[in-house]
Protein backbone atom coordinates (compact mmCIF):
# COMPACT_ATOMS: atom_id res chain seq x y z
CA MET A 1 -31.26 -30.50 -22.77
CA SER A 2 -30.03 -26.76 -22.85
CA LYS A 3 -32.91 -24.22 -21.80
CA THR A 4 -33.26 -22.43 -25.41
CA ALA A 5 -33.62 -26.74 -26.79
CA LYS A 6 -36.77 -26.73 -24.39
CA ASN A 7 -38.54 -23.79 -26.02
CA TYR A 8 -38.89 -25.04 -29.12
CA HIS A 9 -42.49 -26.73 -29.75
CA PRO A 10 -42.39 -28.05 -33.51
CA PRO A 11 -45.46 -27.66 -35.50
CA THR A 12 -48.47 -29.76 -34.81
CA HIS A 13 -50.78 -30.71 -38.40
CA ASP A 14 -53.39 -28.12 -37.55
CA GLU A 15 -50.82 -24.88 -38.25
CA ILE A 16 -48.95 -26.82 -41.10
CA ALA A 17 -52.70 -27.72 -42.50
CA VAL A 18 -53.59 -23.05 -42.11
CA CYS A 19 -50.18 -22.65 -43.11
CA ALA A 20 -50.61 -25.28 -46.77
CA ARG A 21 -53.50 -22.88 -47.00
CA ARG A 22 -51.32 -19.73 -47.06
CA ILE A 23 -49.53 -20.53 -49.85
CA TYR A 24 -52.01 -22.81 -52.37
CA GLU A 25 -54.19 -19.27 -51.29
CA ILE A 26 -50.30 -17.23 -52.32
CA GLU A 27 -49.62 -18.93 -55.24
CA GLY A 28 -53.96 -18.89 -57.16
CA ARG A 29 -54.59 -22.16 -55.98
CA PRO A 30 -53.15 -24.66 -58.40
CA GLU A 31 -54.56 -27.56 -58.48
CA GLY A 32 -52.11 -30.98 -57.99
CA LYS A 33 -49.55 -28.81 -56.25
CA ALA A 34 -50.93 -29.84 -51.93
CA MET A 35 -48.06 -32.51 -51.10
CA GLU A 36 -45.62 -29.54 -52.63
CA HIS A 37 -47.20 -26.38 -50.14
CA TRP A 38 -47.51 -29.14 -47.42
CA LEU A 39 -43.05 -29.51 -47.46
CA GLN A 40 -43.48 -25.90 -47.91
CA ALA A 41 -45.76 -24.94 -45.29
CA GLU A 42 -44.08 -27.90 -42.79
CA ALA A 43 -40.56 -26.75 -42.66
CA GLN A 44 -40.82 -22.67 -43.28
CA LEU A 45 -42.38 -23.32 -39.74
CA VAL A 46 -39.85 -25.21 -38.52
CA ALA A 47 -37.44 -22.84 -39.93
CA GLU A 48 -39.40 -20.23 -37.47
CA ARG A 49 -40.21 -21.80 -34.41
CA LYS A 50 -36.01 -22.88 -34.58
CA ALA A 51 -35.15 -19.47 -35.33
CA GLN A 52 -37.22 -18.20 -32.01
CA ALA A 53 -35.88 -20.79 -30.02
CA GLY A 54 -31.92 -19.93 -30.61
CA LEU A 55 -32.15 -23.03 -32.67
CA SER A 56 -31.36 -21.61 -35.93
CA PRO A 57 -27.33 -20.72 -37.06
CA ALA A 58 -26.96 -17.00 -36.91
CA GLY A 59 -25.88 -16.78 -40.31
CA LYS A 60 -29.23 -18.17 -41.26
CA ALA A 61 -31.74 -16.16 -42.32
CA ALA A 62 -35.49 -18.37 -41.64
CA ALA A 63 -37.62 -18.64 -44.71
CA LYS A 64 -40.02 -15.46 -45.03
CA PRO A 65 -43.69 -15.48 -42.76
CA LEU A 66 -46.54 -15.32 -44.89
CA ASN A 67 -49.54 -13.16 -43.51
CA ALA A 68 -51.83 -14.82 -40.33
CA VAL A 69 -54.84 -16.09 -41.52
CA SER A 70 -57.19 -17.53 -38.51
CA PRO A 71 -58.12 -20.86 -39.16
CA ALA A 72 -61.53 -20.24 -38.90
CA ALA A 73 -60.97 -17.53 -42.31
CA ALA A 74 -59.08 -20.76 -44.00
CA THR A 75 -62.05 -23.52 -43.27
CA ALA A 76 -64.09 -20.69 -44.40
CA ARG A 77 -63.39 -20.46 -47.95
CA GLY A 78 -61.73 -24.24 -48.17
CA GLU A 79 -63.17 -24.93 -51.44
CA GLY A 80 -60.52 -26.57 -53.71
CA TRP A 81 -58.65 -27.26 -50.90
CA GLN A 82 -58.14 -29.98 -48.93
CA THR A 83 -55.21 -31.45 -46.28
CA PRO A 84 -52.65 -34.47 -47.40
CA ALA A 85 -52.88 -37.38 -45.54
CA ARG A 86 -50.24 -37.55 -43.22
CA PRO A 87 -46.48 -39.50 -44.16
CA ALA A 88 -46.14 -42.15 -42.47
CA LEU A 89 -43.98 -42.86 -39.90
CA HIS A 90 -40.99 -44.96 -40.60
CA ARG A 91 -39.67 -46.91 -37.96
CA ASN A 92 -36.47 -48.97 -37.46
């Protein structure tokens, strides 16, 4: 394993939830898009972390980061949004 690969840490469930919440807020709190927001947040955080760890190809730009919101602030404004259930892991 390379030194840069050791610096990559996948986002946690809570980090994805906070990012998905920001996306939900930015898009005007639309109903029925929780899973879309979750997947968008997960992809964005993975891309950002891989870029920081030097694992992304140099020619590709990472997803545009959103303004940071603390978990406490996101929770305080939490009406109308719930974290979607964790997707089931498929094991073969």
